[in-house]
Amino acid sequence: MTTPLDTSSLEQLFSEAHTHVSWQDKAIPESLIHQLYDLVKLGPTSANCCPARFVFITSDEGREKLKPALSSGNLEKTMTAPCTVIVAYDETFYEHLPMLFPYADAKSWFTSSPEAAYETAMRNSSLQGAYLISAARALGLDTGPMSGFDAKRLNELFFADSTWKVNFLINLGYGDGLKVHKRLPRLEFEQSCQIL
């Protein structure tokens, strides 16, 4: 049996964590990015398919490349973030299934159904993006996940010659706690849950 996390850990991950839009001028060490991925990759995906691919943009050159694909409302917070992660998925993720899931011919489940491949890639890369948010918070980073970009343009800029496609973006860094928005309301249990 595992032991529940203590209150301060739960606060860091959930109840006191916020989406950040303003950032301290503090770089994220590359070793921490590697540590982050080493946690993210352990999160469960269906048939261990691991379709997410991550592009960690930390350079001014990378930010300038991303800039034309961003909506105006996301420009400043992204240009000033120490790191922006493109959470993408690999359309041909199933090529790795003989190694990732050796218990069955899982590759054939997707080569015969482009619809199943797309649905699986989107669902599970979204899960992996959520794992990244939780893992980043656990490592002391703040996050700002977002939509608000031109997916077609972003794919042209970053993935024109690959099978990767963007899902969503996450800004990472050390947030400016003085500029955090007040937490917005959430739905109550009775509004969004059922126990049958």
C-alpha atoms as a PDB file:
ATOM      1  CA  MET A   1       0.000   0.000   0.000  1.00  0.00           C
ATOM      2  CA  THR A   2       1.224   3.493  -0.793  1.00  0.00           C
ATOM      3  CA  THR A   3       1.191   6.344   1.688  1.00  0.00           C
ATOM      4  CA  PRO A   4      -0.887   9.446   0.893  1.00  0.00           C
ATOM      5  CA  LEU A   5       1.098  12.605   0.224  1.00  0.00           C
ATOM      6  CA  ASP A   6       1.237  15.102   3.046  1.00  0.00           C
ATOM      7  CA  THR A   7      -0.765  18.321   2.955  1.00  0.00           C
ATOM      8  CA  SER A   8       2.100  20.516   1.761  1.00  0.00           C
ATOM      9  CA  SER A   9       2.757  18.187  -1.185  1.00  0.00           C
ATOM     10  CA  LEU A  10      -0.922  18.212  -2.167  1.00  0.00           C
ATOM     11  CA  GLU A  11      -0.938  22.004  -1.911  1.00  0.00           C
ATOM     12  CA  GLN A  12       2.093  22.236  -4.204  1.00  0.00           C
ATOM     13  CA  LEU A  13       0.522  19.932  -6.764  1.00  0.00           C
ATOM     14  CA  PHE A  14      -3.107  21.057  -6.610  1.00  0.00           C
ATOM     15  CA  SER A  15      -4.776  23.246  -4.016  1.00  0.00           C
ATOM     16  CA  GLU A  16      -2.199  26.067  -3.950  1.00  0.00           C
ATOM     17  CA  ALA A  17      -0.913  25.653  -7.519  1.00  0.00           C
ATOM     18  CA  HIS A  18      -1.961  28.191 -10.118  1.00  0.00           C
ATOM     19  CA  THR A  19      -1.669  28.727 -13.855  1.00  0.00           C
ATOM     20  CA  HIS A  20       1.079  31.290 -14.306  1.00  0.00           C
ATOM     21  CA  VAL A  21       1.291  34.015 -16.946  1.00  0.00           C
ATOM     22  CA  SER A  22       4.211  36.067 -15.562  1.00  0.00           C
ATOM     23  CA  TRP A  23       7.670  34.683 -15.023  1.00  0.00           C
ATOM     24  CA  GLN A  24      10.832  35.363 -13.077  1.00  0.00           C
ATOM     25  CA  ASP A  25      13.934  35.844 -15.207  1.00  0.00           C
ATOM     26  CA  LYS A  26      15.379  32.504 -14.143  1.00  0.00           C
ATOM     27  CA  ALA A  27      16.453  29.769 -16.541  1.00  0.00           C
ATOM     28  CA  ILE A  28      15.526  26.122 -16.101  1.00  0.00           C
ATOM     29  CA  PRO A  29      18.638  23.915 -16.010  1.00  0.00           C
ATOM     30  CA  GLU A  30      18.751  21.336 -18.799  1.00  0.00           C
ATOM     31  CA  SER A  31      19.295  18.638 -16.173  1.00  0.00           C
ATOM     32  CA  LEU A  32      15.918  19.554 -14.644  1.00  0.00           C
ATOM     33  CA  ILE A  33      14.230  19.187 -18.043  1.00  0.00           C
ATOM     34  CA  HIS A  34      15.698  15.684 -18.291  1.00  0.00           C
ATOM     35  CA  GLN A  35      14.530  14.906 -14.754  1.00  0.00           C
ATOM     36  CA  LEU A  36      11.077  16.178 -15.672  1.00  0.00           C
ATOM     37  CA  TYR A  37      10.808  13.876 -18.679  1.00  0.00           C
ATOM     38  CA  ASP A  38      12.070  10.923 -16.630  1.00  0.00           C
ATOM     39  CA  LEU A  39       8.995  11.360 -14.415  1.00  0.00           C
ATOM     40  CA  VAL A  40       6.544  12.063 -17.236  1.00  0.00           C
ATOM     41  CA  LYS A  41       7.466   8.927 -19.172  1.00  0.00           C
ATOM     42  CA  LEU A  42       6.372   6.754 -16.245  1.00  0.00           C
ATOM     43  CA  GLY A  43       2.740   7.888 -16.415  1.00  0.00           C
ATOM     44  CA  PRO A  44       0.333   5.277 -17.784  1.00  0.00           C
ATOM     45  CA  THR A  45      -0.922   5.310 -21.372  1.00  0.00           C
ATOM     46  CA  SER A  46      -3.116   2.748 -23.114  1.00  0.00           C
ATOM     47  CA  ALA A  47      -1.044  -0.280 -24.123  1.00  0.00           C
ATOM     48  CA  ASN A  48       1.983   1.765 -23.017  1.00  0.00           C
ATOM     49  CA  CYS A  49       1.721   3.534 -26.385  1.00  0.00           C
ATOM     50  CA  CYS A  50       3.537   6.721 -25.242  1.00  0.00           C
ATOM     51  CA  PRO A  51       2.496   8.857 -28.246  1.00  0.00           C
ATOM     52  CA  ALA A  52       3.493  12.233 -26.790  1.00  0.00           C
ATOM     53  CA  ARG A  53       6.523  14.057 -28.113  1.00  0.00           C
ATOM     54  CA  PHE A  54       7.886  17.155 -26.396  1.00  0.00           C
ATOM     55  CA  VAL A  55       9.771  20.121 -27.792  1.00  0.00           C
ATOM     56  CA  PHE A  56      11.311  22.207 -24.995  1.00  0.00           C
ATOM     57  CA  ILE A  57      11.869  25.725 -26.312  1.00  0.00           C
ATOM     58  CA  THR A  58      14.384  27.585 -24.144  1.00  0.00           C
ATOM     59  CA  SER A  59      16.266  29.785 -26.619  1.00  0.00           C
ATOM     60  CA  ASP A  60      15.404  33.169 -28.091  1.00  0.00           C
ATOM     61  CA  GLU A  61      15.756  31.583 -31.520  1.00  0.00           C
ATOM     62  CA  GLY A  62      13.172  28.940 -30.619  1.00  0.00           C
ATOM     63  CA  ARG A  63      10.766  31.538 -29.218  1.00  0.00           C
ATOM     64  CA  GLU A  64      11.048  33.618 -32.399  1.00  0.00           C
ATOM     65  CA  LYS A  65      10.285  30.530 -34.444  1.00  0.00           C
ATOM     66  CA  LEU A  66       7.180  29.865 -32.338  1.00  0.00           C
ATOM     67  CA  LYS A  67       5.988  33.480 -32.278  1.00  0.00           C
ATOM     68  CA  PRO A  68       4.129  33.563 -35.659  1.00  0.00           C
ATOM     69  CA  ALA A  69       1.907  30.671 -34.555  1.00  0.00           C
ATOM     70  CA  LEU A  70       0.774  32.286 -31.278  1.00  0.00           C
ATOM     71  CA  SER A  71      -2.424  34.219 -30.703  1.00  0.00           C
ATOM     72  CA  SER A  72      -1.925  37.822 -29.589  1.00  0.00           C
ATOM     73  CA  GLY A  73      -3.165  37.006 -26.076  1.00  0.00           C
ATOM     74  CA  ASN A  74      -0.432  34.417 -25.585  1.00  0.00           C
ATOM     75  CA  LEU A  75       2.513  36.393 -26.984  1.00  0.00           C
ATOM     76  CA  GLU A  76       3.903  38.192 -23.939  1.00  0.00           C
ATOM     77  CA  LYS A  77       3.582  35.333 -21.464  1.00  0.00           C
ATOM     78  CA  THR A  78       5.188  32.928 -23.921  1.00  0.00           C
ATOM     79  CA  MET A  79       7.994  35.226 -25.048  1.00  0.00           C
ATOM     80  CA  THR A  80       8.959  35.826 -21.404  1.00  0.00           C
ATOM     81  CA  ALA A  81       8.621  32.207 -20.200  1.00  0.00           C
ATOM     82  CA  PRO A  82      11.942  30.454 -19.530  1.00  0.00           C
ATOM     83  CA  CYS A  83      10.619  27.439 -21.425  1.00  0.00           C
ATOM     84  CA  THR A  84       7.653  26.645 -23.631  1.00  0.00           C
ATOM     85  CA  VAL A  85       6.843  23.011 -24.223  1.00  0.00           C
ATOM     86  CA  ILE A  86       5.161  21.960 -27.429  1.00  0.00           C
ATOM     87  CA  VAL A  87       3.187  18.905 -26.375  1.00  0.00           C
ATOM     88  CA  ALA A  88       2.840  16.979 -29.613  1.00  0.00           C
ATOM     89  CA  TYR A  89       1.912  13.474 -30.655  1.00  0.00           C
ATOM     90  CA  ASP A  90       3.514  11.160 -33.171  1.00  0.00           C
ATOM     91  CA  GLU A  91       1.033  10.035 -35.809  1.00  0.00           C
ATOM     92  CA  THR A  92       3.037   6.823 -36.192  1.00  0.00           C
ATOM     93  CA  PHE A  93       3.520   6.192 -32.458  1.00  0.00           C
ATOM     94  CA  TYR A  94       2.520   2.580 -33.103  1.00  0.00           C
ATOM     95  CA  GLU A  95       5.891   1.885 -34.762  1.00  0.00           C
ATOM     96  CA  HIS A  96       7.355   1.648 -31.245  1.00  0.00           C
ATOM     97  CA  LEU A  97       4.705  -0.735 -29.913  1.00  0.00           C
ATOM     98  CA  PRO A  98       6.659  -3.959 -30.568  1.00  0.00           C
ATOM     99  CA  MET A  99       9.146  -2.693 -27.985  1.00  0.00           C
ATOM    100  CA  LEU A 100       6.749  -0.775 -25.713  1.00  0.00           C
ATOM    101  CA  PHE A 101       3.997  -3.426 -25.594  1.00  0.00           C
ATOM    102  CA  PRO A 102       5.422  -6.856 -26.476  1.00  0.00           C
ATOM    103  CA  TYR A 103       2.429  -8.796 -25.127  1.00  0.00           C
ATOM    104  CA  ALA A 104       0.392  -8.555 -28.336  1.00  0.00           C
ATOM    105  CA  ASP A 105       0.575  -7.374 -31.937  1.00  0.00           C
ATOM    106  CA  ALA A 106      -0.597  -3.928 -30.826  1.00  0.00           C
ATOM    107  CA  LYS A 107       0.878  -2.227 -33.879  1.00  0.00           C
ATOM    108  CA  SER A 108      -1.762  -3.858 -36.091  1.00  0.00           C
ATOM    109  CA  TRP A 109      -4.532  -2.297 -33.996  1.00  0.00           C
ATOM    110  CA  PHE A 110      -3.550   1.095 -35.392  1.00  0.00           C
ATOM    111  CA  THR A 111      -2.075   0.440 -38.827  1.00  0.00           C
ATOM    112  CA  SER A 112      -5.478  -0.895 -39.859  1.00  0.00           C
ATOM    113  CA  SER A 113      -7.436   2.062 -38.418  1.00  0.00           C
ATOM    114  CA  PRO A 114      -6.259   5.668 -38.880  1.00  0.00           C
ATOM    115  CA  GLU A 115      -9.227   6.821 -36.773  1.00  0.00           C
ATOM    116  CA  ALA A 116      -8.186   4.635 -33.829  1.00  0.00           C
ATOM    117  CA  ALA A 117      -4.590   5.811 -34.209  1.00  0.00           C
ATOM    118  CA  TYR A 118      -5.582   9.481 -34.124  1.00  0.00           C
ATOM    119  CA  GLU A 119      -7.960   9.074 -31.190  1.00  0.00           C
ATOM    120  CA  THR A 120      -5.376   7.108 -29.215  1.00  0.00           C
ATOM    121  CA  ALA A 121      -2.601   9.580 -29.993  1.00  0.00           C
ATOM    122  CA  MET A 122      -4.676  12.603 -28.969  1.00  0.00           C
ATOM    123  CA  ARG A 123      -6.108  11.068 -25.808  1.00  0.00           C
ATOM    124  CA  ASN A 124      -2.854   9.670 -24.529  1.00  0.00           C
ATOM    125  CA  SER A 125      -0.649  12.625 -25.480  1.00  0.00           C
ATOM    126  CA  SER A 126      -3.131  14.809 -23.581  1.00  0.00           C
ATOM    127  CA  LEU A 127      -2.682  12.531 -20.581  1.00  0.00           C
ATOM    128  CA  GLN A 128       1.086  12.799 -20.906  1.00  0.00           C
ATOM    129  CA  GLY A 129       0.827  16.579 -21.087  1.00  0.00           C
ATOM    130  CA  ALA A 130      -1.143  16.517 -17.832  1.00  0.00           C
ATOM    131  CA  TYR A 131       1.534  14.320 -16.285  1.00  0.00           C
ATOM    132  CA  LEU A 132       4.066  16.940 -17.346  1.00  0.00           C
ATOM    133  CA  ILE A 133       2.138  19.655 -15.498  1.00  0.00           C
ATOM    134  CA  SER A 134       1.991  17.578 -12.308  1.00  0.00           C
ATOM    135  CA  ALA A 135       5.629  16.486 -12.560  1.00  0.00           C
ATOM    136  CA  ALA A 136       6.771  20.067 -13.167  1.00  0.00           C
ATOM    137  CA  ARG A 137       4.914  21.238 -10.065  1.00  0.00           C
ATOM    138  CA  ALA A 138       6.397  18.360  -8.068  1.00  0.00           C
ATOM    139  CA  LEU A 139       9.885  19.531  -9.121  1.00  0.00           C
ATOM    140  CA  GLY A 140       9.225  23.110  -8.032  1.00  0.00           C
ATOM    141  CA  LEU A 141       8.324  24.602 -11.403  1.00  0.00           C
ATOM    142  CA  ASP A 142       5.233  26.591 -12.294  1.00  0.00           C
ATOM    143  CA  THR A 143       3.169  25.958 -15.400  1.00  0.00           C
ATOM    144  CA  GLY A 144       0.896  27.767 -17.808  1.00  0.00           C
ATOM    145  CA  PRO A 145      -0.865  25.346 -20.180  1.00  0.00           C
ATOM    146  CA  MET A 146      -2.618  26.933 -23.139  1.00  0.00           C
ATOM    147  CA  SER A 147      -4.338  26.686 -26.443  1.00  0.00           C
ATOM    148  CA  GLY A 148      -4.502  29.916 -28.420  1.00  0.00           C
ATOM    149  CA  PHE A 149      -2.248  29.131 -31.355  1.00  0.00           C
ATOM    150  CA  ASP A 150      -2.505  28.316 -35.034  1.00  0.00           C
ATOM    151  CA  ALA A 151      -1.956  24.554 -35.108  1.00  0.00           C
ATOM    152  CA  LYS A 152      -1.468  24.392 -38.868  1.00  0.00           C
ATOM    153  CA  ARG A 153       1.156  27.136 -38.776  1.00  0.00           C
ATOM    154  CA  LEU A 154       2.923  25.602 -35.787  1.00  0.00           C
ATOM    155  CA  ASN A 155       3.073  22.216 -37.488  1.00  0.00           C
ATOM    156  CA  GLU A 156       4.524  23.866 -40.594  1.00  0.00           C
ATOM    157  CA  LEU A 157       7.154  25.682 -38.551  1.00  0.00           C
ATOM    158  CA  PHE A 158       8.263  22.777 -36.372  1.00  0.00           C
ATOM    159  CA  PHE A 159       7.049  19.490 -37.842  1.00  0.00           C
ATOM    160  CA  ALA A 160       6.889  19.935 -41.613  1.00  0.00           C
ATOM    161  CA  ASP A 161       9.134  16.950 -42.273  1.00  0.00           C
ATOM    162  CA  SER A 162       7.975  14.658 -39.488  1.00  0.00           C
ATOM    163  CA  THR A 163       5.006  12.658 -38.265  1.00  0.00           C
ATOM    164  CA  TRP A 164       4.657  14.834 -35.166  1.00  0.00           C
ATOM    165  CA  LYS A 165       1.637  17.110 -34.721  1.00  0.00           C
ATOM    166  CA  VAL A 166       0.936  19.689 -32.007  1.00  0.00           C
ATOM    167  CA  ASN A 167      -1.613  19.018 -29.273  1.00  0.00           C
ATOM    168  CA  PHE A 168      -1.163  21.986 -26.896  1.00  0.00           C
ATOM    169  CA  LEU A 169       1.457  24.228 -25.296  1.00  0.00           C
ATOM    170  CA  ILE A 170       2.743  24.599 -21.733  1.00  0.00           C
ATOM    171  CA  ASN A 171       4.829  27.502 -20.469  1.00  0.00           C
ATOM    172  CA  LEU A 172       7.261  26.427 -17.752  1.00  0.00           C
ATOM    173  CA  GLY A 173       9.380  28.340 -15.309  1.00  0.00           C
ATOM    174  CA  TYR A 174       9.401  30.055 -11.968  1.00  0.00           C
ATOM    175  CA  GLY A 175       6.237  32.096 -11.792  1.00  0.00           C
ATOM    176  CA  ASP A 176       5.842  35.583 -10.416  1.00  0.00           C
ATOM    177  CA  GLY A 177       3.492  34.892  -7.518  1.00  0.00           C
ATOM    178  CA  LEU A 178       2.516  38.557  -7.244  1.00  0.00           C
ATOM    179  CA  LYS A 179       0.893  38.455 -10.679  1.00  0.00           C
ATOM    180  CA  VAL A 180      -1.135  35.284 -10.312  1.00  0.00           C
ATOM    181  CA  HIS A 181      -4.849  35.568 -10.961  1.00  0.00           C
ATOM    182  CA  LYS A 182      -7.243  34.703  -8.182  1.00  0.00           C
ATOM    183  CA  ARG A 183      -8.411  31.114  -8.467  1.00  0.00           C
ATOM    184  CA  LEU A 184     -11.609  30.885 -10.476  1.00  0.00           C
ATOM    185  CA  PRO A 185     -14.584  28.820  -9.283  1.00  0.00           C
ATOM    186  CA  ARG A 186     -14.751  25.084  -9.914  1.00  0.00           C
ATOM    187  CA  LEU A 187     -17.781  22.837 -10.223  1.00  0.00           C
ATOM    188  CA  GLU A 188     -18.914  21.079  -7.075  1.00  0.00           C
ATOM    189  CA  PHE A 189     -18.878  17.293  -6.820  1.00  0.00           C
ATOM    190  CA  GLU A 190     -22.643  17.045  -7.359  1.00  0.00           C
ATOM    191  CA  GLN A 191     -22.393  19.103 -10.550  1.00  0.00           C
ATOM    192  CA  SER A 192     -19.789  16.979 -12.259  1.00  0.00           C
ATOM    193  CA  CYS A 193     -19.663  13.549 -10.629  1.00  0.00           C
ATOM    194  CA  GLN A 194     -21.781  10.473 -10.110  1.00  0.00           C
ATOM    195  CA  ILE A 195     -21.211   7.438  -7.925  1.00  0.00           C
ATOM    196  CA  LEU A 196     -23.105   4.415  -9.201  1.00  0.00           C
END
